[in-house]
N, C-alpha and C. Protein backbone atom coordinates (compact mmCIF):
# COMPACT_ATOMS: atom_id res chain seq x y z
N UNK A 1 -24.14 12.79 -26.35
CA UNK A 1 -23.66 12.32 -25.05
C UNK A 1 -22.73 13.36 -24.43
N UNK A 2 -22.98 13.62 -23.16
CA UNK A 2 -22.12 14.59 -22.45
C UNK A 2 -21.16 13.84 -21.54
N UNK A 3 -19.91 14.27 -21.59
CA UNK A 3 -18.91 13.65 -20.71
C UNK A 3 -18.64 14.58 -19.54
N UNK A 4 -18.63 14.02 -18.35
CA UNK A 4 -18.33 14.84 -17.18
C UNK A 4 -16.82 15.04 -17.08
N UNK A 5 -16.41 16.29 -16.80
CA UNK A 5 -14.98 16.55 -16.69
C UNK A 5 -14.43 15.97 -15.39
N UNK A 6 -15.24 16.02 -14.33
CA UNK A 6 -14.78 15.48 -13.04
C UNK A 6 -15.56 14.22 -12.70
N UNK A 7 -14.88 13.23 -12.10
CA UNK A 7 -15.61 12.04 -11.64
C UNK A 7 -16.45 12.39 -10.42
N UNK A 8 -17.37 11.53 -10.07
CA UNK A 8 -18.22 11.78 -8.91
C UNK A 8 -17.35 11.88 -7.66
N UNK A 9 -17.70 12.78 -6.73
CA UNK A 9 -16.88 12.94 -5.52
C UNK A 9 -16.73 11.63 -4.74
N UNK A 10 -17.78 10.82 -4.76
CA UNK A 10 -17.70 9.55 -4.02
C UNK A 10 -16.63 8.66 -4.62
N UNK A 11 -16.59 8.59 -5.95
CA UNK A 11 -15.61 7.72 -6.60
C UNK A 11 -14.20 8.24 -6.39
N UNK A 12 -14.00 9.55 -6.48
CA UNK A 12 -12.66 10.10 -6.27
C UNK A 12 -12.22 9.87 -4.83
N UNK A 13 -13.16 10.01 -3.88
CA UNK A 13 -12.83 9.76 -2.47
C UNK A 13 -12.45 8.31 -2.26
N UNK A 14 -13.21 7.41 -2.87
CA UNK A 14 -12.91 5.98 -2.74
C UNK A 14 -11.55 5.68 -3.36
N UNK A 15 -11.26 6.31 -4.47
CA UNK A 15 -9.97 6.09 -5.12
C UNK A 15 -8.83 6.52 -4.21
N UNK A 16 -8.99 7.69 -3.57
CA UNK A 16 -7.94 8.17 -2.67
C UNK A 16 -7.77 7.22 -1.49
N UNK A 17 -8.89 6.77 -0.94
CA UNK A 17 -8.83 5.86 0.21
C UNK A 17 -8.17 4.54 -0.18
N UNK A 18 -8.59 3.99 -1.32
CA UNK A 18 -8.02 2.71 -1.75
C UNK A 18 -6.53 2.86 -2.03
N UNK A 19 -6.13 3.99 -2.61
CA UNK A 19 -4.71 4.23 -2.88
C UNK A 19 -3.93 4.30 -1.56
N UNK A 20 -4.50 5.00 -0.57
CA UNK A 20 -3.82 5.12 0.73
C UNK A 20 -3.71 3.75 1.39
N UNK A 21 -4.79 2.96 1.31
CA UNK A 21 -4.78 1.62 1.92
C UNK A 21 -3.74 0.75 1.21
N UNK A 22 -3.72 0.81 -0.12
CA UNK A 22 -2.75 0.02 -0.87
C UNK A 22 -1.33 0.40 -0.51
N UNK A 23 -1.09 1.73 -0.35
CA UNK A 23 0.24 2.20 0.01
C UNK A 23 0.61 1.67 1.40
N UNK A 24 -0.35 1.72 2.34
CA UNK A 24 -0.08 1.26 3.70
C UNK A 24 0.24 -0.22 3.72
N UNK A 25 -0.53 -1.01 2.97
CA UNK A 25 -0.29 -2.46 2.92
C UNK A 25 1.09 -2.73 2.30
N UNK A 26 1.43 -1.97 1.25
CA UNK A 26 2.72 -2.16 0.58
C UNK A 26 3.86 -1.87 1.55
N UNK A 27 3.75 -0.73 2.29
CA UNK A 27 4.80 -0.36 3.24
C UNK A 27 4.88 -1.39 4.36
N UNK A 28 3.71 -1.83 4.85
CA UNK A 28 3.69 -2.84 5.92
C UNK A 28 4.36 -4.13 5.44
N UNK A 29 4.03 -4.55 4.21
CA UNK A 29 4.60 -5.77 3.65
C UNK A 29 6.11 -5.64 3.55
N UNK A 30 6.59 -4.47 3.07
CA UNK A 30 8.03 -4.24 2.96
C UNK A 30 8.69 -4.31 4.33
N UNK A 31 8.05 -3.72 5.34
CA UNK A 31 8.61 -3.72 6.69
C UNK A 31 8.70 -5.14 7.24
N UNK A 32 7.64 -5.92 7.03
CA UNK A 32 7.64 -7.30 7.52
C UNK A 32 8.72 -8.11 6.82
N UNK A 33 8.85 -7.93 5.51
CA UNK A 33 9.88 -8.65 4.76
C UNK A 33 11.27 -8.29 5.26
N UNK A 34 11.50 -6.99 5.46
CA UNK A 34 12.82 -6.54 5.94
C UNK A 34 13.11 -7.12 7.32
N UNK A 35 12.10 -7.12 8.20
CA UNK A 35 12.31 -7.64 9.55
C UNK A 35 12.60 -9.13 9.52
N UNK A 36 11.81 -9.88 8.74
CA UNK A 36 12.00 -11.34 8.70
C UNK A 36 13.37 -11.69 8.11
N UNK A 37 13.77 -11.00 7.05
CA UNK A 37 15.07 -11.30 6.45
C UNK A 37 16.19 -10.94 7.42
N UNK A 38 16.03 -9.82 8.13
CA UNK A 38 17.04 -9.40 9.11
C UNK A 38 17.19 -10.46 10.20
N UNK A 39 16.05 -10.93 10.72
CA UNK A 39 16.08 -11.95 11.78
C UNK A 39 16.69 -13.24 11.24
N UNK A 40 16.33 -13.60 10.01
CA UNK A 40 16.86 -14.83 9.42
C UNK A 40 18.38 -14.73 9.28
N UNK A 41 18.89 -13.59 8.83
CA UNK A 41 20.34 -13.42 8.68
C UNK A 41 21.02 -13.48 10.04
N UNK A 42 20.40 -12.88 11.07
CA UNK A 42 20.99 -12.92 12.41
C UNK A 42 21.09 -14.37 12.89
N UNK A 43 20.06 -15.15 12.62
CA UNK A 43 20.06 -16.55 13.06
C UNK A 43 21.10 -17.35 12.28
N UNK A 44 21.28 -17.02 11.00
CA UNK A 44 22.26 -17.75 10.19
C UNK A 44 23.68 -17.44 10.66
N UNK A 45 23.91 -16.19 11.12
CA UNK A 45 25.25 -15.81 11.56
C UNK A 45 25.67 -16.61 12.79
N UNK A 46 24.71 -16.95 13.65
CA UNK A 46 25.08 -17.64 14.90
C UNK A 46 25.50 -19.08 14.66
């Protein structure tokens, strides 16, 4: 059995894309959480 040293270009490309999408969703989620908590604290202060 021969093992390929590099994965198929399609799979590596998909991995990069999925990683970028995951990072974007994570950052977006963090931003939404920060905004909602900020607004909630502002409302509590009043």
